[in-house]
Amino acid sequence: MTFAINTHDSWGIVKVGNYPSLEKARKVFTSICGDPWYKNDGTFKGVELVQEDDAGAGQRVDWFAFR
């Protein structure tokens, strides 16, 4: 299994990247959540951490909404 970070914005969903462990994915997730550019841009709705299985399906592990 791998973990993915996706951002949600006014145009849809963009995959930031895939990570081999939850620890590495959490570091990126936390960094994006605190990044002033994402907070101040105004078009980003949120960022999610997803656990992906071998078939490509994903289950959300965490979500952060930019307000």
N, C-alpha and C. Protein backbone atom coordinates (compact mmCIF):
# COMPACT_ATOMS: atom_id res chain seq x y z
N MET A 1 0.83 -1.18 0.00
CA MET A 1 0.00 0.00 0.00
C MET A 1 0.87 1.24 0.00
N THR A 2 0.36 2.25 -0.64
CA THR A 2 1.03 3.55 -0.65
C THR A 2 0.04 4.59 -0.14
N PHE A 3 0.57 5.77 0.09
CA PHE A 3 -0.25 6.88 0.56
C PHE A 3 -0.10 8.03 -0.41
N ALA A 4 -1.18 8.74 -0.65
CA ALA A 4 -1.18 9.85 -1.60
C ALA A 4 -1.69 11.11 -0.91
N ILE A 5 -1.20 12.23 -1.40
CA ILE A 5 -1.68 13.55 -0.97
C ILE A 5 -2.37 14.17 -2.18
N ASN A 6 -3.60 14.61 -1.98
CA ASN A 6 -4.38 15.29 -3.02
C ASN A 6 -4.80 16.66 -2.52
N THR A 7 -4.77 17.64 -3.41
CA THR A 7 -5.36 18.94 -3.07
C THR A 7 -6.66 19.07 -3.84
N HIS A 8 -7.59 19.79 -3.24
CA HIS A 8 -8.89 20.06 -3.87
C HIS A 8 -8.97 21.57 -4.06
N ASP A 9 -9.24 21.98 -5.28
CA ASP A 9 -9.37 23.40 -5.55
C ASP A 9 -10.59 23.66 -6.43
N SER A 10 -10.71 24.86 -6.91
CA SER A 10 -11.87 25.25 -7.70
C SER A 10 -12.00 24.47 -9.00
N TRP A 11 -10.92 23.88 -9.48
CA TRP A 11 -10.93 23.18 -10.75
C TRP A 11 -11.01 21.66 -10.60
N GLY A 12 -10.82 21.14 -9.41
CA GLY A 12 -10.88 19.69 -9.21
C GLY A 12 -9.87 19.19 -8.20
N ILE A 13 -9.41 17.97 -8.44
CA ILE A 13 -8.48 17.30 -7.53
C ILE A 13 -7.14 17.13 -8.23
N VAL A 14 -6.06 17.47 -7.52
CA VAL A 14 -4.71 17.33 -8.05
C VAL A 14 -3.90 16.47 -7.10
N LYS A 15 -3.29 15.42 -7.63
CA LYS A 15 -2.43 14.57 -6.81
C LYS A 15 -1.08 15.25 -6.64
N VAL A 16 -0.69 15.46 -5.39
CA VAL A 16 0.60 16.07 -5.09
C VAL A 16 1.70 15.02 -5.22
N GLY A 17 1.43 13.80 -4.73
CA GLY A 17 2.43 12.75 -4.83
C GLY A 17 2.03 11.49 -4.11
N ASN A 18 2.81 10.44 -4.34
CA ASN A 18 2.63 9.15 -3.65
C ASN A 18 3.81 8.95 -2.72
N TYR A 19 3.55 8.32 -1.57
CA TYR A 19 4.57 8.13 -0.55
C TYR A 19 4.50 6.70 -0.04
N PRO A 20 5.66 6.09 0.22
CA PRO A 20 5.69 4.68 0.59
C PRO A 20 5.25 4.39 2.02
N SER A 21 5.23 5.41 2.86
CA SER A 21 4.85 5.17 4.26
C SER A 21 3.93 6.29 4.76
N LEU A 22 3.17 5.96 5.77
CA LEU A 22 2.27 6.94 6.38
C LEU A 22 3.08 8.07 7.01
N GLU A 23 4.20 7.76 7.59
CA GLU A 23 5.04 8.78 8.23
C GLU A 23 5.50 9.84 7.23
N LYS A 24 5.98 9.42 6.07
CA LYS A 24 6.42 10.37 5.05
C LYS A 24 5.24 11.18 4.50
N ALA A 25 4.11 10.50 4.29
CA ALA A 25 2.93 11.20 3.78
C ALA A 25 2.43 12.22 4.80
N ARG A 26 2.45 11.89 6.07
CA ARG A 26 2.01 12.83 7.11
C ARG A 26 2.88 14.08 7.16
N LYS A 27 4.18 13.91 6.95
CA LYS A 27 5.07 15.08 6.95
C LYS A 27 4.69 16.05 5.83
N VAL A 28 4.43 15.51 4.65
CA VAL A 28 4.04 16.36 3.52
C VAL A 28 2.67 16.97 3.78
N PHE A 29 1.73 16.18 4.27
CA PHE A 29 0.38 16.65 4.57
C PHE A 29 0.43 17.82 5.56
N THR A 30 1.19 17.64 6.65
CA THR A 30 1.31 18.69 7.67
C THR A 30 1.95 19.94 7.10
N SER A 31 2.94 19.76 6.25
CA SER A 31 3.62 20.90 5.63
C SER A 31 2.66 21.70 4.75
N ILE A 32 1.87 21.00 3.95
CA ILE A 32 0.91 21.70 3.08
C ILE A 32 -0.16 22.41 3.91
N CYS A 33 -0.63 21.77 4.95
CA CYS A 33 -1.66 22.39 5.81
C CYS A 33 -1.20 23.71 6.41
N GLY A 34 0.10 23.82 6.70
CA GLY A 34 0.63 25.03 7.31
C GLY A 34 1.25 26.01 6.33
N ASP A 35 1.26 25.68 5.06
CA ASP A 35 1.90 26.52 4.05
C ASP A 35 1.06 27.78 3.79
N PRO A 36 1.63 28.96 3.99
CA PRO A 36 0.88 30.21 3.79
C PRO A 36 0.34 30.39 2.36
N TRP A 37 1.07 29.87 1.38
CA TRP A 37 0.62 30.02 -0.01
C TRP A 37 -0.72 29.31 -0.22
N TYR A 38 -0.85 28.08 0.27
CA TYR A 38 -2.11 27.35 0.15
C TYR A 38 -3.23 28.06 0.91
N LYS A 39 -2.90 28.57 2.10
CA LYS A 39 -3.91 29.24 2.93
C LYS A 39 -4.41 30.54 2.29
N ASN A 40 -3.50 31.30 1.69
CA ASN A 40 -3.84 32.62 1.18
C ASN A 40 -4.26 32.64 -0.28
N ASP A 41 -4.07 31.56 -1.00
CA ASP A 41 -4.39 31.52 -2.42
C ASP A 41 -5.86 31.80 -2.69
N GLY A 42 -6.74 31.24 -1.87
CA GLY A 42 -8.16 31.49 -2.02
C GLY A 42 -8.91 30.50 -2.89
N THR A 43 -8.19 29.75 -3.72
CA THR A 43 -8.87 28.77 -4.58
C THR A 43 -8.81 27.36 -4.02
N PHE A 44 -7.90 27.11 -3.07
CA PHE A 44 -7.77 25.77 -2.50
C PHE A 44 -8.83 25.54 -1.44
N LYS A 45 -9.57 24.45 -1.58
CA LYS A 45 -10.61 24.09 -0.63
C LYS A 45 -10.07 23.20 0.47
N GLY A 46 -9.13 22.32 0.13
CA GLY A 46 -8.60 21.42 1.14
C GLY A 46 -7.52 20.52 0.61
N VAL A 47 -6.98 19.74 1.53
CA VAL A 47 -5.95 18.75 1.20
C VAL A 47 -6.32 17.46 1.92
N GLU A 48 -6.11 16.32 1.25
CA GLU A 48 -6.45 15.05 1.87
C GLU A 48 -5.28 14.08 1.79
N LEU A 49 -5.24 13.20 2.77
CA LEU A 49 -4.29 12.10 2.83
C LEU A 49 -5.08 10.83 2.58
N VAL A 50 -4.66 10.06 1.57
CA VAL A 50 -5.42 8.89 1.14
C VAL A 50 -4.51 7.65 1.19
N GLN A 51 -5.06 6.56 1.71
CA GLN A 51 -4.36 5.28 1.66
C GLN A 51 -4.85 4.55 0.42
N GLU A 52 -3.92 4.21 -0.48
CA GLU A 52 -4.29 3.54 -1.72
C GLU A 52 -3.94 2.06 -1.64
N ASP A 53 -4.80 1.22 -2.22
CA ASP A 53 -4.50 -0.21 -2.26
C ASP A 53 -3.97 -0.59 -3.63
N ASP A 54 -3.64 -1.85 -3.81
CA ASP A 54 -3.04 -2.31 -5.06
C ASP A 54 -3.96 -2.14 -6.27
N ALA A 55 -5.26 -2.11 -6.04
CA ALA A 55 -6.21 -1.97 -7.14
C ALA A 55 -6.42 -0.51 -7.54
N GLY A 56 -5.79 0.41 -6.80
CA GLY A 56 -5.92 1.83 -7.13
C GLY A 56 -7.03 2.55 -6.38
N ALA A 57 -7.79 1.79 -5.58
CA ALA A 57 -8.84 2.42 -4.78
C ALA A 57 -8.20 3.12 -3.59
N GLY A 58 -8.86 4.15 -3.10
CA GLY A 58 -8.31 4.89 -1.97
C GLY A 58 -9.31 5.11 -0.87
N GLN A 59 -8.78 5.21 0.34
CA GLN A 59 -9.62 5.52 1.50
C GLN A 59 -8.98 6.71 2.22
N ARG A 60 -9.78 7.73 2.46
CA ARG A 60 -9.27 8.94 3.11
C ARG A 60 -8.84 8.63 4.54
N VAL A 61 -7.64 9.08 4.87
CA VAL A 61 -7.10 8.93 6.21
C VAL A 61 -7.26 10.23 6.98
N ASP A 62 -7.06 11.36 6.29
CA ASP A 62 -7.13 12.67 6.95
C ASP A 62 -7.54 13.72 5.94
N TRP A 63 -8.12 14.82 6.43
CA TRP A 63 -8.59 15.93 5.60
C TRP A 63 -8.36 17.22 6.35
N PHE A 64 -7.94 18.25 5.61
CA PHE A 64 -7.78 19.59 6.18
C PHE A 64 -8.46 20.57 5.23
N ALA A 65 -9.35 21.39 5.76
CA ALA A 65 -10.05 22.39 4.94
C ALA A 65 -9.40 23.76 5.12
N PHE A 66 -9.11 24.43 4.01
CA PHE A 66 -8.60 25.79 4.05
C PHE A 66 -9.79 26.73 4.13
N ARG A 67 -9.76 27.61 5.09
CA ARG A 67 -10.87 28.56 5.27
C ARG A 67 -10.37 29.96 5.33
